[in-house]
Each structure stands twice: as C-alpha cells, then as structure tokens.
Amino acid sequence: MGIIAWIILGLVVGLLAEKIVNGTERHGLIVTTLIGIAGGLFGGWLATKLFHVNDIKGFFHISTWLTALAGSVILLLAYHLVTGQRGIRR
C-alpha cells in the first residue's frame, strides 16, 4: 500500500479505535492518525507472528482493516497506561 493509503487507513482505524476505547473523549487528529498508522503496522506484525500471515493483500481486504483495528486498540490502551489517562469508559 502507498503512503496515502496508510494515512487514510490510519485515520479511519484510529477514529474507530478511539470510539471503542474512549467513547466520547477525543485526542487530536494527528495523534489519532499516528496511533492508527502505528496500530496498522503493529497489527500486521502481530498477525505475521501469531497467525503466520505473510502478506496482507491490499487496502480493501478485510484482514487489513481488522488487524489494523486490533493493533490500534492495543496501542491506544498502552498509550492510556503510559499517560495515565482513563481507558475504557464505565
């Protein structure tokens, strides 16, 4: 995928991860996008290690979005642990 596709994927997945973890609290658009992009990379790496997936095929493939979302949620929870912010809403 190209860099523009990673940014778009990161933005969308970062917003979804924030909605899942935070509810109504928001970070800035840049932080959300960076966590989403890093989550996509982390999710892809994790899928390679755990499920022996060698290649995630393309921008519109569901596995690309699911691994990016899972990675983003994990990184967002780790971000909350490091910064001391409240995680999942009660």
PDB file of N, CA and C in Angstrom:
ATOM      1  N   MET A   1       0.847  -1.185   0.000  1.00  0.00           N
ATOM      2  CA  MET A   1       0.000   0.000   0.000  1.00  0.00           C
ATOM      3  C   MET A   1       0.881   1.233   0.000  1.00  0.00           C
ATOM      4  N   GLY A   2       0.391   2.274  -0.629  1.00  0.00           N
ATOM      5  CA  GLY A   2       1.122   3.530  -0.669  1.00  0.00           C
ATOM      6  C   GLY A   2       0.971   4.306   0.627  1.00  0.00           C
ATOM      7  N   ILE A   3       1.752   5.345   0.766  1.00  0.00           N
ATOM      8  CA  ILE A   3       1.744   6.139   1.987  1.00  0.00           C
ATOM      9  C   ILE A   3       0.400   6.832   2.199  1.00  0.00           C
ATOM     10  N   ILE A   4      -0.233   7.264   1.138  1.00  0.00           N
ATOM     11  CA  ILE A   4      -1.547   7.908   1.258  1.00  0.00           C
ATOM     12  C   ILE A   4      -2.579   6.902   1.763  1.00  0.00           C
ATOM     13  N   ALA A   5      -2.515   5.681   1.261  1.00  0.00           N
ATOM     14  CA  ALA A   5      -3.443   4.641   1.723  1.00  0.00           C
ATOM     15  C   ALA A   5      -3.221   4.333   3.197  1.00  0.00           C
ATOM     16  N   TRP A   6      -1.950   4.294   3.659  1.00  0.00           N
ATOM     17  CA  TRP A   6      -1.672   4.053   5.079  1.00  0.00           C
ATOM     18  C   TRP A   6      -2.220   5.182   5.944  1.00  0.00           C
ATOM     19  N   ILE A   7      -2.126   6.426   5.463  1.00  0.00           N
ATOM     20  CA  ILE A   7      -2.639   7.560   6.225  1.00  0.00           C
ATOM     21  C   ILE A   7      -4.155   7.502   6.320  1.00  0.00           C
ATOM     22  N   ILE A   8      -4.815   7.195   5.217  1.00  0.00           N
ATOM     23  CA  ILE A   8      -6.277   7.078   5.227  1.00  0.00           C
ATOM     24  C   ILE A   8      -6.709   5.930   6.125  1.00  0.00           C
ATOM     25  N   LEU A   9      -6.057   4.786   5.980  1.00  0.00           N
ATOM     26  CA  LEU A   9      -6.356   3.634   6.835  1.00  0.00           C
ATOM     27  C   LEU A   9      -6.117   3.981   8.301  1.00  0.00           C
ATOM     28  N   GLY A  10      -5.000   4.657   8.593  1.00  0.00           N
ATOM     29  CA  GLY A  10      -4.691   5.040   9.965  1.00  0.00           C
ATOM     30  C   GLY A  10      -5.701   5.989  10.547  1.00  0.00           C
ATOM     31  N   LEU A  11      -6.168   6.944   9.771  1.00  0.00           N
ATOM     32  CA  LEU A  11      -7.166   7.890  10.247  1.00  0.00           C
ATOM     33  C   LEU A  11      -8.474   7.194  10.584  1.00  0.00           C
ATOM     34  N   VAL A  12      -8.963   6.384   9.660  1.00  0.00           N
ATOM     35  CA  VAL A  12     -10.245   5.694   9.872  1.00  0.00           C
ATOM     36  C   VAL A  12     -10.156   4.708  11.030  1.00  0.00           C
ATOM     37  N   VAL A  13      -9.106   3.905  11.051  1.00  0.00           N
ATOM     38  CA  VAL A  13      -8.964   2.902  12.100  1.00  0.00           C
ATOM     39  C   VAL A  13      -8.674   3.567  13.446  1.00  0.00           C
ATOM     40  N   GLY A  14      -7.902   4.639  13.439  1.00  0.00           N
ATOM     41  CA  GLY A  14      -7.650   5.373  14.673  1.00  0.00           C
ATOM     42  C   GLY A  14      -8.927   5.950  15.265  1.00  0.00           C
ATOM     43  N   LEU A  15      -9.799   6.496  14.409  1.00  0.00           N
ATOM     44  CA  LEU A  15     -11.084   7.010  14.883  1.00  0.00           C
ATOM     45  C   LEU A  15     -11.962   5.894  15.453  1.00  0.00           C
ATOM     46  N   LEU A  16     -11.973   4.749  14.778  1.00  0.00           N
ATOM     47  CA  LEU A  16     -12.745   3.612  15.288  1.00  0.00           C
ATOM     48  C   LEU A  16     -12.195   3.105  16.621  1.00  0.00           C
ATOM     49  N   ALA A  17     -10.872   3.022  16.721  1.00  0.00           N
ATOM     50  CA  ALA A  17     -10.254   2.565  17.967  1.00  0.00           C
ATOM     51  C   ALA A  17     -10.544   3.529  19.107  1.00  0.00           C
ATOM     52  N   GLU A  18     -10.514   4.835  18.831  1.00  0.00           N
ATOM     53  CA  GLU A  18     -10.840   5.819  19.854  1.00  0.00           C
ATOM     54  C   GLU A  18     -12.282   5.677  20.317  1.00  0.00           C
ATOM     55  N   LYS A  19     -13.172   5.431  19.392  1.00  0.00           N
ATOM     56  CA  LYS A  19     -14.587   5.256  19.741  1.00  0.00           C
ATOM     57  C   LYS A  19     -14.766   4.015  20.603  1.00  0.00           C
ATOM     58  N   ILE A  20     -14.045   2.935  20.291  1.00  0.00           N
ATOM     59  CA  ILE A  20     -14.149   1.703  21.061  1.00  0.00           C
ATOM     60  C   ILE A  20     -13.582   1.888  22.460  1.00  0.00           C
ATOM     61  N   VAL A  21     -12.424   2.521  22.567  1.00  0.00           N
ATOM     62  CA  VAL A  21     -11.732   2.624  23.850  1.00  0.00           C
ATOM     63  C   VAL A  21     -12.223   3.802  24.677  1.00  0.00           C
ATOM     64  N   ASN A  22     -12.365   4.968  24.068  1.00  0.00           N
ATOM     65  CA  ASN A  22     -12.630   6.188  24.822  1.00  0.00           C
ATOM     66  C   ASN A  22     -14.083   6.599  24.899  1.00  0.00           C
ATOM     67  N   GLY A  23     -14.887   6.223  23.960  1.00  0.00           N
ATOM     68  CA  GLY A  23     -16.257   6.721  23.931  1.00  0.00           C
ATOM     69  C   GLY A  23     -16.286   8.131  23.387  1.00  0.00           C
ATOM     70  N   THR A  24     -16.550   9.112  24.250  1.00  0.00           N
ATOM     71  CA  THR A  24     -16.701  10.487  23.778  1.00  0.00           C
ATOM     72  C   THR A  24     -15.430  11.305  23.873  1.00  0.00           C
ATOM     73  N   GLU A  25     -14.415  10.851  24.627  1.00  0.00           N
ATOM     74  CA  GLU A  25     -13.163  11.597  24.726  1.00  0.00           C
ATOM     75  C   GLU A  25     -12.411  11.499  23.410  1.00  0.00           C
ATOM     76  N   ARG A  26     -11.729  12.580  23.048  1.00  0.00           N
ATOM     77  CA  ARG A  26     -11.017  12.623  21.780  1.00  0.00           C
ATOM     78  C   ARG A  26      -9.580  13.090  21.988  1.00  0.00           C
ATOM     79  N   HIS A  27      -8.683  12.555  21.172  1.00  0.00           N
ATOM     80  CA  HIS A  27      -7.340  13.092  21.039  1.00  0.00           C
ATOM     81  C   HIS A  27      -7.363  13.980  19.807  1.00  0.00           C
ATOM     82  N   GLY A  28      -6.264  14.576  19.498  1.00  0.00           N
ATOM     83  CA  GLY A  28      -6.184  15.368  18.278  1.00  0.00           C
ATOM     84  C   GLY A  28      -6.183  14.470  17.054  1.00  0.00           C
ATOM     85  N   LEU A  29      -6.442  15.057  15.910  1.00  0.00           N
ATOM     86  CA  LEU A  29      -6.490  14.315  14.656  1.00  0.00           C
ATOM     87  C   LEU A  29      -5.126  13.701  14.319  1.00  0.00           C
ATOM     88  N   ILE A  30      -4.056  14.415  14.603  1.00  0.00           N
ATOM     89  CA  ILE A  30      -2.719  13.900  14.303  1.00  0.00           C
ATOM     90  C   ILE A  30      -2.382  12.711  15.189  1.00  0.00           C
ATOM     91  N   VAL A  31      -2.665  12.815  16.489  1.00  0.00           N
ATOM     92  CA  VAL A  31      -2.399  11.697  17.411  1.00  0.00           C
ATOM     93  C   VAL A  31      -3.231  10.489  17.025  1.00  0.00           C
ATOM     94  N   THR A  32      -4.500  10.723  16.687  1.00  0.00           N
ATOM     95  CA  THR A  32      -5.382   9.627  16.266  1.00  0.00           C
ATOM     96  C   THR A  32      -4.837   8.933  15.024  1.00  0.00           C
ATOM     97  N   THR A  33      -4.410   9.720  14.032  1.00  0.00           N
ATOM     98  CA  THR A  33      -3.873   9.153  12.799  1.00  0.00           C
ATOM     99  C   THR A  33      -2.577   8.392  13.059  1.00  0.00           C
ATOM    100  N   LEU A  34      -1.692   8.959  13.875  1.00  0.00           N
ATOM    101  CA  LEU A  34      -0.425   8.284  14.169  1.00  0.00           C
ATOM    102  C   LEU A  34      -0.638   6.975  14.918  1.00  0.00           C
ATOM    103  N   ILE A  35      -1.569   6.967  15.881  1.00  0.00           N
ATOM    104  CA  ILE A  35      -1.882   5.723  16.590  1.00  0.00           C
ATOM    105  C   ILE A  35      -2.499   4.719  15.629  1.00  0.00           C
ATOM    106  N   GLY A  36      -3.333   5.182  14.723  1.00  0.00           N
ATOM    107  CA  GLY A  36      -3.931   4.286  13.724  1.00  0.00           C
ATOM    108  C   GLY A  36      -2.903   3.683  12.785  1.00  0.00           C
ATOM    109  N   ILE A  37      -1.967   4.506  12.297  1.00  0.00           N
ATOM    110  CA  ILE A  37      -0.924   4.002  11.399  1.00  0.00           C
ATOM    111  C   ILE A  37      -0.012   3.033  12.140  1.00  0.00           C
ATOM    112  N   ALA A  38       0.400   3.422  13.344  1.00  0.00           N
ATOM    113  CA  ALA A  38       1.243   2.528  14.143  1.00  0.00           C
ATOM    114  C   ALA A  38       0.493   1.246  14.493  1.00  0.00           C
ATOM    115  N   GLY A  39      -0.806   1.363  14.752  1.00  0.00           N
ATOM    116  CA  GLY A  39      -1.625   0.184  15.032  1.00  0.00           C
ATOM    117  C   GLY A  39      -1.730  -0.733  13.836  1.00  0.00           C
ATOM    118  N   GLY A  40      -1.803  -0.141  12.648  1.00  0.00           N
ATOM    119  CA  GLY A  40      -1.818  -0.950  11.433  1.00  0.00           C
ATOM    120  C   GLY A  40      -0.528  -1.723  11.252  1.00  0.00           C
ATOM    121  N   LEU A  41       0.577  -1.043  11.492  1.00  0.00           N
ATOM    122  CA  LEU A  41       1.874  -1.717  11.394  1.00  0.00           C
ATOM    123  C   LEU A  41       2.036  -2.776  12.478  1.00  0.00           C
ATOM    124  N   PHE A  42       1.631  -2.436  13.702  1.00  0.00           N
ATOM    125  CA  PHE A  42       1.710  -3.380  14.814  1.00  0.00           C
ATOM    126  C   PHE A  42       0.788  -4.572  14.590  1.00  0.00           C
ATOM    127  N   GLY A  43      -0.424  -4.314  14.113  1.00  0.00           N
ATOM    128  CA  GLY A  43      -1.361  -5.396  13.830  1.00  0.00           C
ATOM    129  C   GLY A  43      -0.866  -6.319  12.736  1.00  0.00           C
ATOM    130  N   GLY A  44      -0.259  -5.734  11.700  1.00  0.00           N
ATOM    131  CA  GLY A  44       0.315  -6.556  10.635  1.00  0.00           C
ATOM    132  C   GLY A  44       1.465  -7.414  11.133  1.00  0.00           C
ATOM    133  N   TRP A  45       2.328  -6.819  11.976  1.00  0.00           N
ATOM    134  CA  TRP A  45       3.434  -7.582  12.551  1.00  0.00           C
ATOM    135  C   TRP A  45       2.910  -8.695  13.456  1.00  0.00           C
ATOM    136  N   LEU A  46       1.906  -8.384  14.272  1.00  0.00           N
ATOM    137  CA  LEU A  46       1.329  -9.372  15.180  1.00  0.00           C
ATOM    138  C   LEU A  46       0.670 -10.513  14.415  1.00  0.00           C
ATOM    139  N   ALA A  47      -0.037 -10.189  13.330  1.00  0.00           N
ATOM    140  CA  ALA A  47      -0.660 -11.228  12.514  1.00  0.00           C
ATOM    141  C   ALA A  47       0.391 -12.134  11.887  1.00  0.00           C
ATOM    142  N   THR A  48       1.518 -11.553  11.504  1.00  0.00           N
ATOM    143  CA  THR A  48       2.611 -12.351  10.935  1.00  0.00           C
ATOM    144  C   THR A  48       3.168 -13.321  11.964  1.00  0.00           C
ATOM    145  N   LYS A  49       3.366 -12.850  13.182  1.00  0.00           N
ATOM    146  CA  LYS A  49       3.956 -13.682  14.227  1.00  0.00           C
ATOM    147  C   LYS A  49       2.981 -14.732  14.770  1.00  0.00           C
ATOM    148  N   LEU A  50       1.731 -14.339  15.007  1.00  0.00           N
ATOM    149  CA  LEU A  50       0.771 -15.254  15.628  1.00  0.00           C
ATOM    150  C   LEU A  50       0.117 -16.215  14.644  1.00  0.00           C
ATOM    151  N   PHE A  51      -0.267 -15.691  13.481  1.00  0.00           N
ATOM    152  CA  PHE A  51      -1.050 -16.485  12.538  1.00  0.00           C
ATOM    153  C   PHE A  51      -0.267 -16.876  11.304  1.00  0.00           C
ATOM    154  N   HIS A  52       1.010 -16.532  11.265  1.00  0.00           N
ATOM    155  CA  HIS A  52       1.885 -16.851  10.137  1.00  0.00           C
ATOM    156  C   HIS A  52       1.319 -16.340   8.819  1.00  0.00           C
ATOM    157  N   VAL A  53       0.747 -15.141   8.877  1.00  0.00           N
ATOM    158  CA  VAL A  53       0.256 -14.473   7.680  1.00  0.00           C
ATOM    159  C   VAL A  53       1.440 -13.742   7.071  1.00  0.00           C
ATOM    160  N   ASN A  54       1.801 -14.093   5.869  1.00  0.00           N
ATOM    161  CA  ASN A  54       2.976 -13.496   5.245  1.00  0.00           C
ATOM    162  C   ASN A  54       2.681 -12.187   4.548  1.00  0.00           C
ATOM    163  N   ASP A  55       1.425 -11.975   4.213  1.00  0.00           N
ATOM    164  CA  ASP A  55       1.153 -10.794   3.417  1.00  0.00           C
ATOM    165  C   ASP A  55      -0.322 -10.455   3.557  1.00  0.00           C
ATOM    166  N   ILE A  56      -0.589  -9.216   3.844  1.00  0.00           N
ATOM    167  CA  ILE A  56      -1.974  -8.749   3.902  1.00  0.00           C
ATOM    168  C   ILE A  56      -2.233  -8.055   2.573  1.00  0.00           C
ATOM    169  N   LYS A  57      -3.164  -8.591   1.821  1.00  0.00           N
ATOM    170  CA  LYS A  57      -3.326  -8.187   0.431  1.00  0.00           C
ATOM    171  C   LYS A  57      -4.271  -7.006   0.283  1.00  0.00           C
ATOM    172  N   GLY A  58      -3.707  -5.851   0.160  1.00  0.00           N
ATOM    173  CA  GLY A  58      -4.453  -4.718  -0.323  1.00  0.00           C
ATOM    174  C   GLY A  58      -5.241  -3.917   0.688  1.00  0.00           C
ATOM    175  N   PHE A  59      -5.601  -2.755   0.242  1.00  0.00           N
ATOM    176  CA  PHE A  59      -6.290  -1.769   1.065  1.00  0.00           C
ATOM    177  C   PHE A  59      -7.712  -2.179   1.396  1.00  0.00           C
ATOM    178  N   PHE A  60      -8.409  -2.810   0.491  1.00  0.00           N
ATOM    179  CA  PHE A  60      -9.815  -3.130   0.695  1.00  0.00           C
ATOM    180  C   PHE A  60     -10.050  -4.527   1.260  1.00  0.00           C
ATOM    181  N   HIS A  61      -9.006  -5.224   1.604  1.00  0.00           N
ATOM    182  CA  HIS A  61      -9.160  -6.563   2.182  1.00  0.00           C
ATOM    183  C   HIS A  61      -9.521  -6.434   3.657  1.00  0.00           C
ATOM    184  N   ILE A  62     -10.480  -7.226   4.121  1.00  0.00           N
ATOM    185  CA  ILE A  62     -10.987  -7.115   5.492  1.00  0.00           C
ATOM    186  C   ILE A  62      -9.917  -7.416   6.531  1.00  0.00           C
ATOM    187  N   SER A  63      -8.992  -8.311   6.228  1.00  0.00           N
ATOM    188  CA  SER A  63      -7.952  -8.639   7.201  1.00  0.00           C
ATOM    189  C   SER A  63      -7.033  -7.446   7.452  1.00  0.00           C
ATOM    190  N   THR A  64      -6.828  -6.606   6.452  1.00  0.00           N
ATOM    191  CA  THR A  64      -6.026  -5.399   6.636  1.00  0.00           C
ATOM    192  C   THR A  64      -6.666  -4.494   7.672  1.00  0.00           C
ATOM    193  N   TRP A  65      -7.979  -4.306   7.548  1.00  0.00           N
ATOM    194  CA  TRP A  65      -8.694  -3.404   8.451  1.00  0.00           C
ATOM    195  C   TRP A  65      -8.821  -3.995   9.855  1.00  0.00           C
ATOM    196  N   LEU A  66      -9.061  -5.301   9.947  1.00  0.00           N
ATOM    197  CA  LEU A  66      -9.216  -5.917  11.271  1.00  0.00           C
ATOM    198  C   LEU A  66      -7.907  -5.952  12.054  1.00  0.00           C
ATOM    199  N   THR A  67      -6.809  -6.277  11.384  1.00  0.00           N
ATOM    200  CA  THR A  67      -5.535  -6.284  12.103  1.00  0.00           C
ATOM    201  C   THR A  67      -5.104  -4.867  12.468  1.00  0.00           C
ATOM    202  N   ALA A  68      -5.389  -3.906  11.608  1.00  0.00           N
ATOM    203  CA  ALA A  68      -5.073  -2.514  11.930  1.00  0.00           C
ATOM    204  C   ALA A  68      -5.912  -2.029  13.105  1.00  0.00           C
ATOM    205  N   LEU A  69      -7.188  -2.414  13.146  1.00  0.00           N
ATOM    206  CA  LEU A  69      -8.056  -2.022  14.259  1.00  0.00           C
ATOM    207  C   LEU A  69      -7.605  -2.666  15.558  1.00  0.00           C
ATOM    208  N   ALA A  70      -7.290  -3.936  15.517  1.00  0.00           N
ATOM    209  CA  ALA A  70      -6.817  -4.619  16.731  1.00  0.00           C
ATOM    210  C   ALA A  70      -5.511  -4.010  17.228  1.00  0.00           C
ATOM    211  N   GLY A  71      -4.598  -3.741  16.321  1.00  0.00           N
ATOM    212  CA  GLY A  71      -3.337  -3.118  16.701  1.00  0.00           C
ATOM    213  C   GLY A  71      -3.535  -1.722  17.259  1.00  0.00           C
ATOM    214  N   SER A  72      -4.457  -0.957  16.678  1.00  0.00           N
ATOM    215  CA  SER A  72      -4.732   0.397  17.157  1.00  0.00           C
ATOM    216  C   SER A  72      -5.354   0.393  18.541  1.00  0.00           C
ATOM    217  N   VAL A  73      -6.259  -0.531  18.788  1.00  0.00           N
ATOM    218  CA  VAL A  73      -6.870  -0.628  20.115  1.00  0.00           C
ATOM    219  C   VAL A  73      -5.812  -0.982  21.159  1.00  0.00           C
ATOM    220  N   ILE A  74      -4.935  -1.919  20.836  1.00  0.00           N
ATOM    221  CA  ILE A  74      -3.869  -2.314  21.765  1.00  0.00           C
ATOM    222  C   ILE A  74      -2.942  -1.131  22.034  1.00  0.00           C
ATOM    223  N   LEU A  75      -2.544  -0.422  20.992  1.00  0.00           N
ATOM    224  CA  LEU A  75      -1.656   0.725  21.178  1.00  0.00           C
ATOM    225  C   LEU A  75      -2.348   1.867  21.922  1.00  0.00           C
ATOM    226  N   LEU A  76      -3.628   2.060  21.686  1.00  0.00           N
ATOM    227  CA  LEU A  76      -4.355   3.108  22.392  1.00  0.00           C
ATOM    228  C   LEU A  76      -4.479   2.784  23.878  1.00  0.00           C
ATOM    229  N   LEU A  77      -4.705   1.519  24.193  1.00  0.00           N
ATOM    230  CA  LEU A  77      -4.732   1.121  25.602  1.00  0.00           C
ATOM    231  C   LEU A  77      -3.360   1.287  26.246  1.00  0.00           C
ATOM    232  N   ALA A  78      -2.299   0.961  25.515  1.00  0.00           N
ATOM    233  CA  ALA A  78      -0.942   1.154  26.024  1.00  0.00           C
ATOM    234  C   ALA A  78      -0.650   2.648  26.210  1.00  0.00           C
ATOM    235  N   TYR A  79      -1.132   3.472  25.297  1.00  0.00           N
ATOM    236  CA  TYR A  79      -0.970   4.919  25.403  1.00  0.00           C
ATOM    237  C   TYR A  79      -1.637   5.442  26.676  1.00  0.00           C
ATOM    238  N   HIS A  80      -2.813   4.923  26.977  1.00  0.00           N
ATOM    239  CA  HIS A  80      -3.513   5.335  28.199  1.00  0.00           C
ATOM    240  C   HIS A  80      -2.779   4.871  29.446  1.00  0.00           C
ATOM    241  N   LEU A  81      -2.181   3.693  29.400  1.00  0.00           N
ATOM    242  CA  LEU A  81      -1.409   3.223  30.547  1.00  0.00           C
ATOM    243  C   LEU A  81      -0.183   4.102  30.792  1.00  0.00           C
ATOM    244  N   VAL A  82       0.483   4.497  29.718  1.00  0.00           N
ATOM    245  CA  VAL A  82       1.687   5.325  29.844  1.00  0.00           C
ATOM    246  C   VAL A  82       1.356   6.738  30.304  1.00  0.00           C
ATOM    247  N   THR A  83       0.316   7.330  29.736  1.00  0.00           N
ATOM    248  CA  THR A  83      -0.027   8.716  30.064  1.00  0.00           C
ATOM    249  C   THR A  83      -0.891   8.838  31.302  1.00  0.00           C
ATOM    250  N   GLY A  84      -1.432   7.708  31.786  1.00  0.00           N
ATOM    251  CA  GLY A  84      -2.259   7.750  32.977  1.00  0.00           C
ATOM    252  C   GLY A  84      -3.679   8.203  32.742  1.00  0.00           C
ATOM    253  N   GLN A  85      -4.106   8.234  31.493  1.00  0.00           N
ATOM    254  CA  GLN A  85      -5.481   8.636  31.190  1.00  0.00           C
ATOM    255  C   GLN A  85      -6.423   7.471  31.420  1.00  0.00           C
ATOM    256  N   ARG A  86      -7.686   7.820  31.553  1.00  0.00           N
ATOM    257  CA  ARG A  86      -8.706   6.801  31.750  1.00  0.00           C
ATOM    258  C   ARG A  86      -8.907   6.050  30.445  1.00  0.00           C
ATOM    259  N   GLY A  87      -9.027   4.730  30.541  1.00  0.00           N
ATOM    260  CA  GLY A  87      -9.191   3.887  29.356  1.00  0.00           C
ATOM    261  C   GLY A  87     -10.642   3.702  28.991  1.00  0.00           C
ATOM    262  N   ILE A  88     -11.119   2.487  29.073  1.00  0.00           N
ATOM    263  CA  ILE A  88     -12.477   2.154  28.657  1.00  0.00           C
ATOM    264  C   ILE A  88     -13.479   2.831  29.574  1.00  0.00           C
ATOM    265  N   ARG A  89     -14.491   3.431  28.958  1.00  0.00           N
ATOM    266  CA  ARG A  89     -15.483   4.175  29.744  1.00  0.00           C
ATOM    267  C   ARG A  89     -16.319   3.220  30.592  1.00  0.00           C
ATOM    268  N   ARG A  90     -16.841   3.763  31.656  1.00  0.00           N
ATOM    269  CA  ARG A  90     -17.648   2.940  32.578  1.00  0.00           C
ATOM    270  C   ARG A  90     -19.073   3.359  32.535  1.00  0.00           C
TER     271      ARG A  90
END
